Amino acid sequence: MANLTATYLGLTLKNPVVASASPLSKKLEGIRRLEEAGASAVVMYSLFEEQITHESLALDHFLNRGTESFAEALSYFPDLENYNIGPEEYLNLIRRAKEAVSIPIIGSLNGVSAGGWVEYARKIEEAGADALELNMYYIPTDTDITAQELEQNYVDLVSEVCSRVSIPVAVKLSPFFTALPNLARRLAGAGAKGLVLFNRFIQPDLDIETLEVTPALQLSTPAELRLPLRWVAILYGRVPCDLALTSGVHDAQAVLKAMMAGAKVTMLASELIQNGLKRIGEILTDMNAWMETFEYESVSQMQGSMSQKAVAEPAAFERANYLKALQTFDNRKLY
């Protein structure tokens, strides 16, 4: 049997299939089931910056409500033991998960400003998380913000968080940057031990009858693998941090391609939501069978073997592939 052991963020994992942030990790039972199904680690569902801000404002309101009404109110506080706020529940789930499972638990923070991030990064570490994923989800709509300013904000945030925690930090990015390799290198320099490629922006839809903007969540498809696969292959060996590939991971072939491109692990959720947690075991079985057929002894043996640095035609990952792909398609019979 092939050795599927992987390493990520300094953690030794039993295989390269990690459950990414999703509703599957919102409850302790879900985390247990992910471990039983074969996941090598679990990224917790994200704690959003808006949650932290909202709950902080709500708590402040309750703490100060009525303080000017009568003197006794100055010593009055709500019963905090029964006052459950979202972030605290999140931290409690991490604590319980660490007691219940043996696989690494990776916390996830979703936001764009330092604010409560630094405080909750420390709290997530104190709760027992093995690592932390910073999910950079931000669409700049202000016409005065430059690309340089936005990227510097990202770098500063990562630097601030990394300086306050001792657990490894990974950064989950979107693909929409002018010079992604440069940003990747700067984030690594700021302390990031890993990069997760890529975040999937949830695109809103328009209801033309009610004239409202409506949320429209669509699960990933196998076709989405190509974008992160390309960038993992380009960044491999060029940035001093681990690469995790997410988006479009639906079968064993996707995991194998990711390893060959240079990823340390793959992360998936859509496939599990659509077809059940049994898919983890099926993917691992198919991986093992393929590796034995092609005489691969371990995952590490194949990592980076088809990165830009390793292939005979590195330009295939760049613009040259564009013209070649179009010519190949044009030469097919279209009738």
Protein backbone atom coordinates (compact mmCIF):
# COMPACT_ATOMS: atom_id res chain seq x y z
CA MET A 1 0.00 0.00 0.00
CA ALA A 2 1.28 3.47 -0.91
CA ASN A 3 2.24 5.89 1.83
CA LEU A 4 -0.34 8.70 1.79
CA THR A 5 1.22 10.63 4.69
CA ALA A 6 1.37 14.39 4.10
CA THR A 7 2.76 17.39 5.95
CA TYR A 8 1.11 20.80 6.14
CA LEU A 9 1.97 23.81 8.32
CA GLY A 10 4.38 21.63 10.26
CA LEU A 11 1.62 19.12 11.01
CA THR A 12 1.95 15.46 10.04
CA LEU A 13 -1.28 14.26 8.43
CA LYS A 14 -2.34 10.72 7.60
CA ASN A 15 -3.26 11.77 4.05
CA PRO A 16 -3.55 14.95 1.93
CA VAL A 17 -7.37 15.16 2.05
CA VAL A 18 -8.49 17.92 4.43
CA ALA A 19 -12.10 18.99 5.07
CA SER A 20 -12.31 22.69 4.26
CA ALA A 21 -14.39 25.26 6.11
CA SER A 22 -18.09 24.48 5.64
CA PRO A 23 -21.29 23.75 7.56
CA LEU A 24 -19.97 20.19 8.00
CA SER A 25 -17.82 21.43 10.89
CA LYS A 26 -20.48 23.52 12.63
CA LYS A 27 -21.27 20.77 15.11
CA LEU A 28 -19.13 18.39 17.10
CA GLU A 29 -20.87 15.37 15.59
CA GLY A 30 -20.00 16.60 12.11
CA ILE A 31 -16.33 16.91 13.05
CA ARG A 32 -16.37 13.39 14.49
CA ARG A 33 -17.93 12.05 11.30
CA LEU A 34 -15.29 13.77 9.17
CA GLU A 35 -12.55 12.07 11.15
CA GLU A 36 -14.28 8.70 10.90
CA ALA A 37 -14.69 9.17 7.14
CA GLY A 38 -10.93 9.62 6.73
CA ALA A 39 -10.29 13.36 6.69
CA SER A 40 -6.74 14.07 7.87
CA ALA A 41 -7.64 17.46 9.37
CA VAL A 42 -10.64 19.77 9.64
CA VAL A 43 -10.76 23.49 8.93
CA MET A 44 -13.47 24.90 11.16
CA TYR A 45 -16.30 26.89 9.63
CA SER A 46 -15.28 30.52 9.53
CA LEU A 47 -15.78 33.02 12.32
CA PHE A 48 -16.62 36.24 10.48
CA GLU A 49 -15.30 39.65 11.39
CA GLU A 50 -18.88 40.93 11.24
CA GLN A 51 -19.86 38.41 13.92
CA ILE A 52 -17.12 39.63 16.22
CA THR A 53 -18.05 43.27 15.63
CA HIS A 54 -21.77 42.66 15.99
CA GLU A 55 -21.47 40.66 19.18
CA SER A 56 -19.06 43.16 20.70
CA LEU A 57 -21.51 45.99 20.03
CA ALA A 58 -24.41 43.93 21.34
CA LEU A 59 -22.53 43.07 24.54
CA ASP A 60 -21.58 46.70 25.01
CA HIS A 61 -25.24 47.66 24.66
CA PHE A 62 -26.36 45.18 27.33
CA LEU A 63 -23.57 46.13 29.69
CA ASN A 64 -24.45 49.82 29.52
CA ARG A 65 -28.23 49.62 29.18
CA GLY A 66 -29.95 51.53 31.99
CA THR A 67 -26.80 52.71 33.74
CA GLU A 68 -28.16 56.25 33.93
CA SER A 69 -31.56 55.17 35.31
CA PHE A 70 -30.68 54.56 38.95
CA ALA A 71 -27.61 54.23 41.11
CA GLU A 72 -27.91 50.51 41.63
CA ALA A 73 -27.63 50.03 37.88
CA LEU A 74 -23.99 51.01 38.01
CA SER A 75 -23.22 47.61 39.54
CA TYR A 76 -25.63 45.65 37.34
CA PHE A 77 -24.37 43.24 34.67
CA PRO A 78 -26.30 40.69 32.63
CA ASP A 79 -25.89 37.02 33.46
CA LEU A 80 -22.89 36.36 31.19
CA GLU A 81 -22.92 32.67 32.01
CA ASN A 82 -26.21 32.35 30.13
CA TYR A 83 -25.42 35.05 27.61
CA ASN A 84 -24.19 33.02 24.62
CA ILE A 85 -22.51 35.01 21.90
CA GLY A 86 -21.40 33.54 18.59
CA PRO A 87 -17.62 33.88 18.96
CA GLU A 88 -17.62 32.22 22.39
CA GLU A 89 -19.63 29.30 21.07
CA TYR A 90 -17.06 28.99 18.30
CA LEU A 91 -14.21 28.79 20.78
CA ASN A 92 -16.08 26.25 22.87
CA LEU A 93 -16.58 24.05 19.82
CA ILE A 94 -12.84 24.09 19.15
CA ARG A 95 -12.17 23.03 22.75
CA ARG A 96 -14.68 20.20 22.54
CA ALA A 97 -13.41 19.09 19.13
CA LYS A 98 -9.84 18.85 20.42
CA GLU A 99 -11.04 16.57 23.18
CA ALA A 100 -13.18 14.44 20.86
CA VAL A 101 -10.93 13.79 17.84
CA SER A 102 -7.27 13.08 17.22
CA ILE A 103 -6.86 14.85 13.87
CA PRO A 104 -5.65 18.49 13.73
CA ILE A 105 -8.26 21.23 14.08
CA ILE A 106 -7.61 24.41 12.10
CA GLY A 107 -9.46 27.56 13.13
CA SER A 108 -10.73 29.97 10.49
CA LEU A 109 -11.18 33.73 10.64
CA ASN A 110 -12.89 35.56 7.78
CA GLY A 111 -12.37 39.30 7.44
CA VAL A 112 -10.15 42.12 6.24
CA SER A 113 -9.12 44.31 9.20
CA ALA A 114 -7.00 43.80 12.31
CA GLY A 115 -9.65 44.80 14.89
CA GLY A 116 -10.97 41.76 16.67
CA TRP A 117 -8.92 39.43 14.46
CA VAL A 118 -5.80 39.64 16.59
CA GLU A 119 -7.72 39.10 19.82
CA TYR A 120 -9.67 36.15 18.45
CA ALA A 121 -6.63 34.66 16.78
CA ARG A 122 -5.11 34.42 20.26
CA LYS A 123 -8.35 33.02 21.69
CA ILE A 124 -8.51 30.38 18.95
CA GLU A 125 -4.95 29.38 19.81
CA GLU A 126 -5.82 29.25 23.51
CA ALA A 127 -8.85 27.09 22.71
CA GLY A 128 -6.44 24.48 21.37
CA ALA A 129 -6.48 24.90 17.59
CA ASP A 130 -3.45 23.38 15.87
CA ALA A 131 -3.29 26.11 13.23
CA LEU A 132 -5.21 29.13 11.97
CA GLU A 133 -6.51 29.98 8.51
CA LEU A 134 -7.07 33.64 7.67
CA ASN A 135 -9.74 33.79 5.00
CA MET A 136 -9.20 37.03 3.09
CA TYR A 137 -12.66 37.73 1.69
CA TYR A 138 -12.91 41.31 0.50
CA ILE A 139 -14.13 42.95 -2.69
CA PRO A 140 -12.73 46.49 -3.01
CA THR A 141 -15.48 48.78 -4.31
CA ASP A 142 -13.93 52.10 -3.28
CA THR A 143 -12.44 53.71 -6.39
CA ASP A 144 -9.85 55.51 -4.24
CA ILE A 145 -8.24 52.30 -2.94
CA THR A 146 -5.25 51.25 -5.01
CA ALA A 147 -4.03 47.71 -5.53
CA GLN A 148 -0.86 48.60 -3.63
CA GLU A 149 -2.85 49.85 -0.62
CA LEU A 150 -5.07 46.77 -0.58
CA GLU A 151 -2.17 44.35 -0.76
CA GLN A 152 -0.30 46.23 1.95
CA ASN A 153 -3.36 45.95 4.21
CA TYR A 154 -3.29 42.19 3.69
CA VAL A 155 0.42 41.97 4.47
CA ASP A 156 0.06 44.16 7.56
CA LEU A 157 -2.85 42.08 8.85
CA VAL A 158 -0.98 38.81 8.40
CA SER A 159 2.09 40.26 10.07
CA GLU A 160 0.02 41.50 13.02
CA VAL A 161 -1.71 38.16 13.55
CA CYS A 162 1.44 36.08 13.10
CA SER A 163 3.29 38.22 15.66
CA ARG A 164 0.61 37.51 18.28
CA VAL A 165 0.20 33.73 17.97
CA SER A 166 2.60 30.82 18.03
CA ILE A 167 0.50 28.37 16.01
CA PRO A 168 1.12 28.30 12.24
CA VAL A 169 -0.99 30.65 10.12
CA ALA A 170 -2.20 30.02 6.57
CA VAL A 171 -3.77 32.64 4.32
CA LYS A 172 -6.69 31.82 2.04
CA LEU A 173 -6.60 34.09 -0.99
CA SER A 174 -8.72 34.92 -3.99
CA PRO A 175 -7.13 34.71 -7.47
CA PHE A 176 -7.89 38.33 -8.28
CA PHE A 177 -4.56 40.05 -7.76
CA THR A 178 -2.45 41.86 -10.34
CA ALA A 179 0.83 40.23 -9.27
CA LEU A 180 -0.10 37.18 -7.23
CA PRO A 181 3.44 35.70 -6.97
CA ASN A 182 4.76 38.92 -5.45
CA LEU A 183 1.92 39.09 -2.94
CA ALA A 184 2.45 35.43 -2.07
CA ARG A 185 6.13 36.08 -1.36
CA ARG A 186 5.31 39.12 0.79
CA LEU A 187 2.71 37.18 2.80
CA ALA A 188 5.27 34.46 3.45
CA GLY A 189 7.69 37.15 4.55
CA ALA A 190 5.03 38.49 6.93
CA GLY A 191 4.90 35.14 8.68
CA ALA A 192 2.37 33.01 6.76
CA LYS A 193 3.36 29.34 6.82
CA GLY A 194 0.86 28.39 4.13
CA LEU A 195 -1.28 29.71 1.30
CA VAL A 196 -4.69 28.27 0.44
CA LEU A 197 -5.65 28.70 -3.22
CA PHE A 198 -8.36 29.81 -3.77
CA ASN A 199 -11.28 31.42 -1.97
CA ARG A 200 -14.53 31.19 -3.94
CA PHE A 201 -16.38 34.50 -3.98
CA ILE A 202 -20.12 34.02 -3.50
CA GLN A 203 -21.61 36.03 -6.35
CA PRO A 204 -24.99 37.67 -5.66
CA ASP A 205 -27.89 37.43 -8.07
CA LEU A 206 -30.63 39.92 -8.94
CA ASP A 207 -34.33 39.26 -8.56
CA ILE A 208 -35.85 41.28 -11.43
CA GLU A 209 -39.38 41.02 -9.99
CA THR A 210 -38.75 42.07 -6.39
CA LEU A 211 -35.79 44.26 -7.38
CA GLU A 212 -33.67 42.78 -4.63
CA VAL A 213 -30.14 41.47 -4.46
CA THR A 214 -30.33 37.80 -3.51
CA PRO A 215 -27.63 35.47 -2.18
CA ALA A 216 -26.77 32.66 -4.57
CA LEU A 217 -24.49 29.95 -3.21
CA GLN A 218 -23.33 27.43 -5.80
CA LEU A 219 -21.15 24.47 -4.93
CA SER A 220 -17.90 24.01 -6.81
CA THR A 221 -17.54 21.86 -9.94
CA PRO A 222 -14.55 19.80 -11.16
CA ALA A 223 -13.88 22.42 -13.85
CA GLU A 224 -12.85 24.91 -11.14
CA LEU A 225 -9.77 22.85 -10.36
CA ARG A 226 -7.75 24.30 -13.24
CA LEU A 227 -7.33 27.80 -11.83
CA PRO A 228 -5.83 26.82 -8.44
CA LEU A 229 -3.93 23.97 -10.12
CA ARG A 230 -2.20 26.42 -12.43
CA TRP A 231 -1.18 28.79 -9.66
CA VAL A 232 0.00 26.05 -7.32
CA ALA A 233 2.21 24.82 -10.16
CA ILE A 234 3.56 28.34 -10.74
CA LEU A 235 4.19 29.16 -7.07
CA TYR A 236 5.69 25.81 -6.08
CA GLY A 237 9.33 26.28 -5.10
CA ARG A 238 9.09 30.05 -5.49
CA VAL A 239 7.52 30.98 -2.15
CA PRO A 240 8.82 29.66 1.19
CA CYS A 241 5.54 28.26 2.50
CA ASP A 242 3.20 25.31 2.06
CA LEU A 243 0.53 25.39 -0.64
CA ALA A 244 -2.97 24.00 -0.16
CA LEU A 245 -5.30 23.60 -3.14
CA THR A 246 -9.04 24.07 -2.77
CA SER A 247 -11.95 24.60 -5.21
CA GLY A 248 -12.79 21.88 -7.71
CA VAL A 249 -11.49 18.90 -5.71
CA HIS A 250 -14.04 16.17 -6.36
CA ASP A 251 -12.12 12.94 -6.98
CA ALA A 252 -8.80 11.13 -6.63
CA GLN A 253 -7.47 12.50 -9.91
CA ALA A 254 -7.90 16.04 -8.62
CA VAL A 255 -5.91 15.21 -5.48
CA LEU A 256 -3.16 13.53 -7.51
CA LYS A 257 -2.94 16.48 -9.89
CA ALA A 258 -2.71 18.86 -6.95
CA MET A 259 0.16 16.87 -5.44
CA MET A 260 2.02 16.81 -8.75
CA ALA A 261 1.53 20.55 -9.15
CA GLY A 262 3.13 21.07 -5.74
CA ALA A 263 0.33 21.21 -3.18
CA LYS A 264 0.93 19.78 0.27
CA VAL A 265 -2.77 19.08 0.80
CA THR A 266 -6.11 19.43 -0.93
CA MET A 267 -9.21 20.79 0.76
CA LEU A 268 -12.76 19.90 -0.19
CA ALA A 269 -16.32 20.47 0.96
CA SER A 270 -18.69 20.65 -2.04
CA GLU A 271 -18.12 17.01 -3.00
CA LEU A 272 -18.87 15.93 0.57
CA ILE A 273 -21.99 18.08 0.79
CA GLN A 274 -23.27 16.76 -2.53
CA ASN A 275 -22.36 13.09 -2.25
CA GLY A 276 -21.71 12.34 1.39
CA LEU A 277 -18.70 11.85 3.64
CA LYS A 278 -18.10 8.37 2.21
CA ARG A 279 -16.44 10.13 -0.70
CA ILE A 280 -13.31 10.72 1.40
CA GLY A 281 -12.70 6.99 1.76
CA GLU A 282 -13.47 6.38 -1.91
CA ILE A 283 -11.03 9.09 -2.98
CA LEU A 284 -8.28 7.66 -0.77
CA THR A 285 -8.89 4.13 -2.09
CA ASP A 286 -8.73 5.35 -5.69
CA MET A 287 -5.58 7.31 -4.93
CA ASN A 288 -3.87 4.28 -3.44
CA ALA A 289 -4.85 2.08 -6.39
CA TRP A 290 -3.53 4.61 -8.91
CA MET A 291 -0.25 5.06 -7.04
CA GLU A 292 0.32 1.32 -6.88
CA THR A 293 -0.44 0.95 -10.60
CA PHE A 294 2.08 3.66 -11.53
CA GLU A 295 4.56 2.59 -8.85
CA TYR A 296 4.50 5.64 -6.62
CA GLU A 297 5.55 4.71 -3.10
CA SER A 298 4.48 7.94 -1.41
CA VAL A 299 2.71 11.25 -1.87
CA SER A 300 5.97 13.12 -1.27
CA GLN A 301 7.52 11.31 -4.24
CA MET A 302 5.13 12.99 -6.67
CA GLN A 303 4.90 16.45 -5.10
CA GLY A 304 5.96 19.18 -7.50
CA SER A 305 6.79 16.72 -10.29
CA MET A 306 4.57 18.67 -12.69
CA SER A 307 5.13 22.16 -11.34
CA GLN A 308 6.33 24.94 -13.61
CA LYS A 309 9.88 24.33 -12.43
CA ALA A 310 9.79 20.62 -13.28
CA VAL A 311 7.99 20.27 -16.62
CA ALA A 312 9.74 20.41 -19.99
CA GLU A 313 7.54 23.28 -21.20
CA PRO A 314 7.05 25.69 -18.29
CA ALA A 315 5.39 28.18 -20.64
CA ALA A 316 2.41 25.82 -20.76
CA PHE A 317 1.37 27.37 -17.45
CA GLU A 318 1.64 30.87 -18.91
CA ARG A 319 0.31 32.73 -21.95
CA ALA A 320 1.75 30.34 -24.55
CA ASN A 321 -0.82 27.78 -23.50
CA TYR A 322 -3.60 30.19 -24.47
CA LEU A 323 -2.87 30.18 -28.21
CA LYS A 324 -2.09 26.47 -28.26
CA ALA A 325 -5.37 25.62 -26.58
CA LEU A 326 -7.36 27.75 -29.01
CA GLN A 327 -5.60 26.22 -32.02
CA THR A 328 -6.27 22.71 -30.72
CA PHE A 329 -9.94 23.50 -30.25
CA ASP A 330 -10.25 25.14 -33.69
CA ASN A 331 -8.79 22.04 -35.35
CA ARG A 332 -11.58 19.85 -34.00
CA LYS A 333 -14.66 19.12 -36.04
CA LEU A 334 -17.39 21.35 -34.76
CA TYR A 335 -20.22 19.50 -36.47
